[in-house]
């Protein structure tokens, strides 16, 4: 099991919980609350909003990909992405 629902849901990882990503996941929105944790054994793709309240560390072999309309909120001194981050850009034509 992947640990995250499909793109039609908005998963929330609350404080004190750890979710392990065992296969590539595609979500529209994802909220990781302060004290929540996401373990990356594969890549994460977000097409909507990624709200981070904790440090997300995908590591050198994994990537968080933000779709062309995706946004990141909540980033700060104790909430950031420490690893590979890719941003897709929308077609201009």
N, C-alpha and C. Protein backbone atom coordinates (compact mmCIF):
# COMPACT_ATOMS: atom_id res chain seq x y z
N UNK A 1 0.84 -1.19 0.00
CA UNK A 1 0.00 0.00 0.00
C UNK A 1 0.87 1.23 0.00
N UNK A 2 0.41 2.25 -0.70
CA UNK A 2 1.15 3.47 -0.89
C UNK A 2 1.10 4.39 0.33
N UNK A 3 0.04 4.32 1.12
CA UNK A 3 -0.07 5.20 2.27
C UNK A 3 -0.80 6.49 1.99
N UNK A 4 -0.89 6.90 0.71
CA UNK A 4 -1.61 8.12 0.34
C UNK A 4 -2.76 7.74 -0.58
N UNK A 5 -3.91 8.45 -0.46
CA UNK A 5 -5.02 8.19 -1.37
C UNK A 5 -4.72 8.72 -2.77
N UNK A 6 -5.67 8.55 -3.67
CA UNK A 6 -5.47 8.99 -5.06
C UNK A 6 -5.69 10.49 -5.21
N UNK A 7 -5.65 10.97 -6.46
CA UNK A 7 -5.71 12.40 -6.74
C UNK A 7 -7.03 13.04 -6.37
N UNK A 8 -8.08 12.27 -6.16
CA UNK A 8 -9.38 12.87 -5.86
C UNK A 8 -9.51 13.27 -4.39
N UNK A 9 -8.54 12.93 -3.56
CA UNK A 9 -8.60 13.24 -2.14
C UNK A 9 -7.56 14.27 -1.74
N UNK A 10 -7.71 14.81 -0.54
CA UNK A 10 -6.76 15.76 0.03
C UNK A 10 -6.22 15.14 1.31
N UNK A 11 -5.15 14.35 1.20
CA UNK A 11 -4.61 13.71 2.39
C UNK A 11 -4.00 14.72 3.36
N UNK A 12 -4.18 14.45 4.65
CA UNK A 12 -3.60 15.25 5.72
C UNK A 12 -2.81 14.31 6.61
N UNK A 13 -1.55 14.64 6.84
CA UNK A 13 -0.71 13.86 7.76
C UNK A 13 -0.62 14.68 9.05
N UNK A 14 -1.33 14.25 10.09
CA UNK A 14 -1.37 15.04 11.32
C UNK A 14 -0.12 14.85 12.18
N UNK A 15 0.03 15.72 13.14
CA UNK A 15 1.14 15.65 14.10
C UNK A 15 1.17 14.29 14.76
N UNK A 16 2.37 13.73 14.87
CA UNK A 16 2.55 12.44 15.52
C UNK A 16 2.37 11.24 14.62
N UNK A 17 2.01 11.45 13.35
CA UNK A 17 1.81 10.35 12.41
C UNK A 17 2.89 10.36 11.34
N UNK A 18 3.27 9.15 10.91
CA UNK A 18 4.22 8.98 9.82
C UNK A 18 3.56 8.18 8.72
N UNK A 19 3.64 8.67 7.50
CA UNK A 19 3.13 7.97 6.32
C UNK A 19 4.33 7.60 5.46
N UNK A 20 4.38 6.35 5.02
CA UNK A 20 5.47 5.88 4.17
C UNK A 20 4.99 5.77 2.73
N UNK A 21 5.69 6.42 1.83
CA UNK A 21 5.38 6.40 0.42
C UNK A 21 6.17 5.26 -0.22
N UNK A 22 5.48 4.13 -0.50
CA UNK A 22 6.15 2.94 -1.02
C UNK A 22 6.13 2.84 -2.53
N UNK A 23 5.27 3.61 -3.19
CA UNK A 23 5.24 3.65 -4.65
C UNK A 23 4.90 5.08 -5.06
N UNK A 24 5.22 5.40 -6.29
CA UNK A 24 5.00 6.76 -6.78
C UNK A 24 3.56 7.18 -6.55
N UNK A 25 3.36 8.38 -6.01
CA UNK A 25 2.01 8.86 -5.68
C UNK A 25 1.70 10.15 -6.41
N UNK A 26 0.43 10.28 -6.80
CA UNK A 26 -0.09 11.49 -7.43
C UNK A 26 -1.24 11.99 -6.58
N UNK A 27 -1.11 13.20 -6.03
CA UNK A 27 -2.17 13.79 -5.22
C UNK A 27 -2.46 15.19 -5.75
N UNK A 28 -3.69 15.64 -5.54
CA UNK A 28 -4.02 17.01 -5.90
C UNK A 28 -3.47 17.94 -4.84
N UNK A 29 -3.86 17.73 -3.58
CA UNK A 29 -3.40 18.53 -2.46
C UNK A 29 -2.84 17.60 -1.39
N UNK A 30 -1.88 18.10 -0.65
CA UNK A 30 -1.32 17.33 0.47
C UNK A 30 -0.97 18.30 1.58
N UNK A 31 -1.40 17.99 2.81
CA UNK A 31 -1.05 18.78 3.98
C UNK A 31 -0.24 17.92 4.93
N UNK A 32 0.94 18.37 5.28
CA UNK A 32 1.76 17.72 6.31
C UNK A 32 1.82 18.71 7.47
N UNK A 33 1.07 18.40 8.53
CA UNK A 33 1.00 19.31 9.67
C UNK A 33 2.29 19.29 10.48
N UNK A 34 2.54 20.33 11.27
CA UNK A 34 3.72 20.33 12.14
C UNK A 34 3.74 19.05 12.99
N UNK A 35 4.87 18.35 12.98
CA UNK A 35 4.99 17.10 13.71
C UNK A 35 4.59 15.88 12.91
N UNK A 36 4.04 16.09 11.71
CA UNK A 36 3.73 14.98 10.80
C UNK A 36 4.96 14.62 10.00
N UNK A 37 4.99 13.39 9.48
CA UNK A 37 6.19 12.93 8.78
C UNK A 37 5.81 12.11 7.56
N UNK A 38 6.57 12.31 6.48
CA UNK A 38 6.39 11.54 5.25
C UNK A 38 7.73 10.91 4.90
N UNK A 39 7.77 9.58 4.82
CA UNK A 39 8.97 8.84 4.47
C UNK A 39 8.91 8.53 2.98
N UNK A 40 9.96 8.89 2.26
CA UNK A 40 9.99 8.75 0.81
C UNK A 40 10.75 7.50 0.38
N UNK A 41 9.99 6.47 -0.06
CA UNK A 41 10.60 5.33 -0.73
C UNK A 41 10.35 5.40 -2.23
N UNK A 42 9.66 6.44 -2.67
CA UNK A 42 9.39 6.68 -4.08
C UNK A 42 9.06 8.16 -4.28
N UNK A 43 8.70 8.55 -5.50
CA UNK A 43 8.47 9.95 -5.85
C UNK A 43 7.05 10.39 -5.51
N UNK A 44 6.89 11.70 -5.30
CA UNK A 44 5.60 12.31 -5.00
C UNK A 44 5.32 13.38 -6.03
N UNK A 45 4.10 13.38 -6.59
CA UNK A 45 3.66 14.36 -7.56
C UNK A 45 2.44 15.09 -6.99
N UNK A 46 2.51 16.42 -6.96
CA UNK A 46 1.42 17.24 -6.42
C UNK A 46 0.95 18.18 -7.52
N UNK A 47 -0.36 18.17 -7.80
CA UNK A 47 -0.88 19.04 -8.85
C UNK A 47 -1.58 20.28 -8.30
N UNK A 48 -1.88 20.30 -7.00
CA UNK A 48 -2.57 21.44 -6.38
C UNK A 48 -1.70 22.14 -5.36
N UNK A 49 -2.08 22.05 -4.09
CA UNK A 49 -1.34 22.73 -3.03
C UNK A 49 -0.62 21.73 -2.14
N UNK A 50 0.65 21.99 -1.90
CA UNK A 50 1.45 21.25 -0.93
C UNK A 50 1.64 22.16 0.27
N UNK A 51 0.99 21.83 1.36
CA UNK A 51 1.08 22.62 2.58
C UNK A 51 2.00 21.90 3.54
N UNK A 52 3.14 22.52 3.85
CA UNK A 52 4.14 21.85 4.68
C UNK A 52 4.27 22.53 6.04
N UNK A 53 4.22 21.69 7.07
CA UNK A 53 4.40 22.17 8.43
C UNK A 53 5.59 21.51 9.09
N UNK A 54 6.27 20.66 8.34
CA UNK A 54 7.44 19.93 8.82
C UNK A 54 8.49 19.90 7.71
N UNK A 55 9.65 19.40 8.04
CA UNK A 55 10.69 19.25 7.03
C UNK A 55 10.40 18.00 6.21
N UNK A 56 10.35 18.15 4.89
CA UNK A 56 10.17 17.02 3.99
C UNK A 56 11.52 16.72 3.36
N UNK A 57 12.00 15.49 3.52
CA UNK A 57 13.32 15.10 3.02
C UNK A 57 13.20 13.90 2.09
N UNK A 58 12.98 14.16 0.78
CA UNK A 58 12.87 13.03 -0.14
C UNK A 58 14.18 12.29 -0.37
N UNK A 59 15.30 12.89 -0.02
CA UNK A 59 16.59 12.24 -0.23
C UNK A 59 17.09 12.42 -1.65
N UNK A 60 18.29 11.94 -1.89
CA UNK A 60 18.94 12.15 -3.18
C UNK A 60 18.31 11.35 -4.31
N UNK A 61 17.68 10.22 -4.00
CA UNK A 61 17.15 9.33 -5.04
C UNK A 61 15.68 9.57 -5.34
N UNK A 62 14.99 10.44 -4.59
CA UNK A 62 13.56 10.67 -4.76
C UNK A 62 13.29 12.14 -5.08
N UNK A 63 12.13 12.41 -5.71
CA UNK A 63 11.81 13.77 -6.13
C UNK A 63 10.36 14.10 -5.78
N UNK A 64 10.15 15.33 -5.32
CA UNK A 64 8.81 15.89 -5.22
C UNK A 64 8.62 16.73 -6.47
N UNK A 65 7.59 16.40 -7.27
CA UNK A 65 7.29 17.14 -8.49
C UNK A 65 6.02 17.94 -8.30
N UNK A 66 6.11 19.24 -8.58
CA UNK A 66 4.95 20.12 -8.51
C UNK A 66 4.44 20.36 -9.91
N UNK A 67 3.15 20.11 -10.13
CA UNK A 67 2.55 20.36 -11.43
C UNK A 67 2.57 21.83 -11.77
N UNK A 68 2.21 22.17 -13.01
CA UNK A 68 2.35 23.56 -13.46
C UNK A 68 1.47 24.53 -12.67
N UNK A 69 0.36 24.08 -12.11
CA UNK A 69 -0.50 24.96 -11.31
C UNK A 69 -0.31 24.77 -9.81
N UNK A 70 0.64 23.96 -9.41
CA UNK A 70 0.85 23.64 -7.99
C UNK A 70 1.47 24.80 -7.23
N UNK A 71 1.16 24.84 -5.93
CA UNK A 71 1.71 25.86 -5.04
C UNK A 71 2.23 25.17 -3.78
N UNK A 72 3.11 25.88 -3.08
CA UNK A 72 3.62 25.41 -1.79
C UNK A 72 3.29 26.49 -0.76
N UNK A 73 2.70 26.07 0.36
CA UNK A 73 2.39 27.00 1.44
C UNK A 73 2.95 26.46 2.74
N UNK A 74 3.13 27.35 3.70
CA UNK A 74 3.55 26.95 5.04
C UNK A 74 5.04 26.86 5.26
N UNK A 75 5.84 27.10 4.25
CA UNK A 75 7.28 26.95 4.39
C UNK A 75 7.85 27.98 5.36
N UNK A 76 8.86 27.56 6.11
CA UNK A 76 9.51 28.45 7.06
C UNK A 76 10.76 27.79 7.61
N UNK A 77 11.25 28.30 8.72
CA UNK A 77 12.50 27.81 9.31
C UNK A 77 12.41 26.34 9.73
N UNK A 78 11.24 25.85 10.09
CA UNK A 78 11.07 24.47 10.52
C UNK A 78 10.16 23.68 9.59
N UNK A 79 9.92 24.21 8.41
CA UNK A 79 9.04 23.56 7.44
C UNK A 79 9.55 23.89 6.04
N UNK A 80 10.28 22.94 5.45
CA UNK A 80 10.84 23.17 4.13
C UNK A 80 11.12 21.83 3.47
N UNK A 81 11.51 21.88 2.19
CA UNK A 81 11.86 20.68 1.44
C UNK A 81 13.38 20.60 1.39
N UNK A 82 13.90 19.49 1.90
CA UNK A 82 15.33 19.26 1.95
C UNK A 82 15.65 18.11 0.99
N UNK A 83 15.76 18.44 -0.29
CA UNK A 83 16.01 17.40 -1.28
C UNK A 83 15.56 17.86 -2.66
N UNK A 84 15.32 16.89 -3.54
CA UNK A 84 14.99 17.18 -4.94
C UNK A 84 13.56 17.69 -5.07
N UNK A 85 13.44 18.83 -5.73
CA UNK A 85 12.14 19.44 -6.01
C UNK A 85 12.13 19.84 -7.48
N UNK A 86 11.09 19.41 -8.18
CA UNK A 86 10.95 19.71 -9.61
C UNK A 86 9.64 20.45 -9.81
N UNK A 87 9.65 21.52 -10.59
CA UNK A 87 8.45 22.29 -10.90
C UNK A 87 8.19 22.21 -12.39
N UNK A 88 6.99 21.71 -12.77
CA UNK A 88 6.57 21.71 -14.17
C UNK A 88 5.99 23.08 -14.50
N UNK A 89 6.20 23.54 -15.72
CA UNK A 89 5.67 24.82 -16.15
C UNK A 89 4.61 24.60 -17.21
N UNK A 90 3.55 25.41 -17.15
CA UNK A 90 2.45 25.29 -18.10
C UNK A 90 2.89 25.74 -19.49
N UNK A 91 2.24 25.19 -20.48
CA UNK A 91 2.52 25.55 -21.87
C UNK A 91 2.12 27.00 -22.10
N UNK A 92 2.98 27.76 -22.72
CA UNK A 92 2.69 29.17 -23.00
C UNK A 92 1.94 29.37 -24.29
N UNK A 93 1.86 28.35 -25.13
CA UNK A 93 1.23 28.52 -26.44
C UNK A 93 -0.07 27.88 -26.51
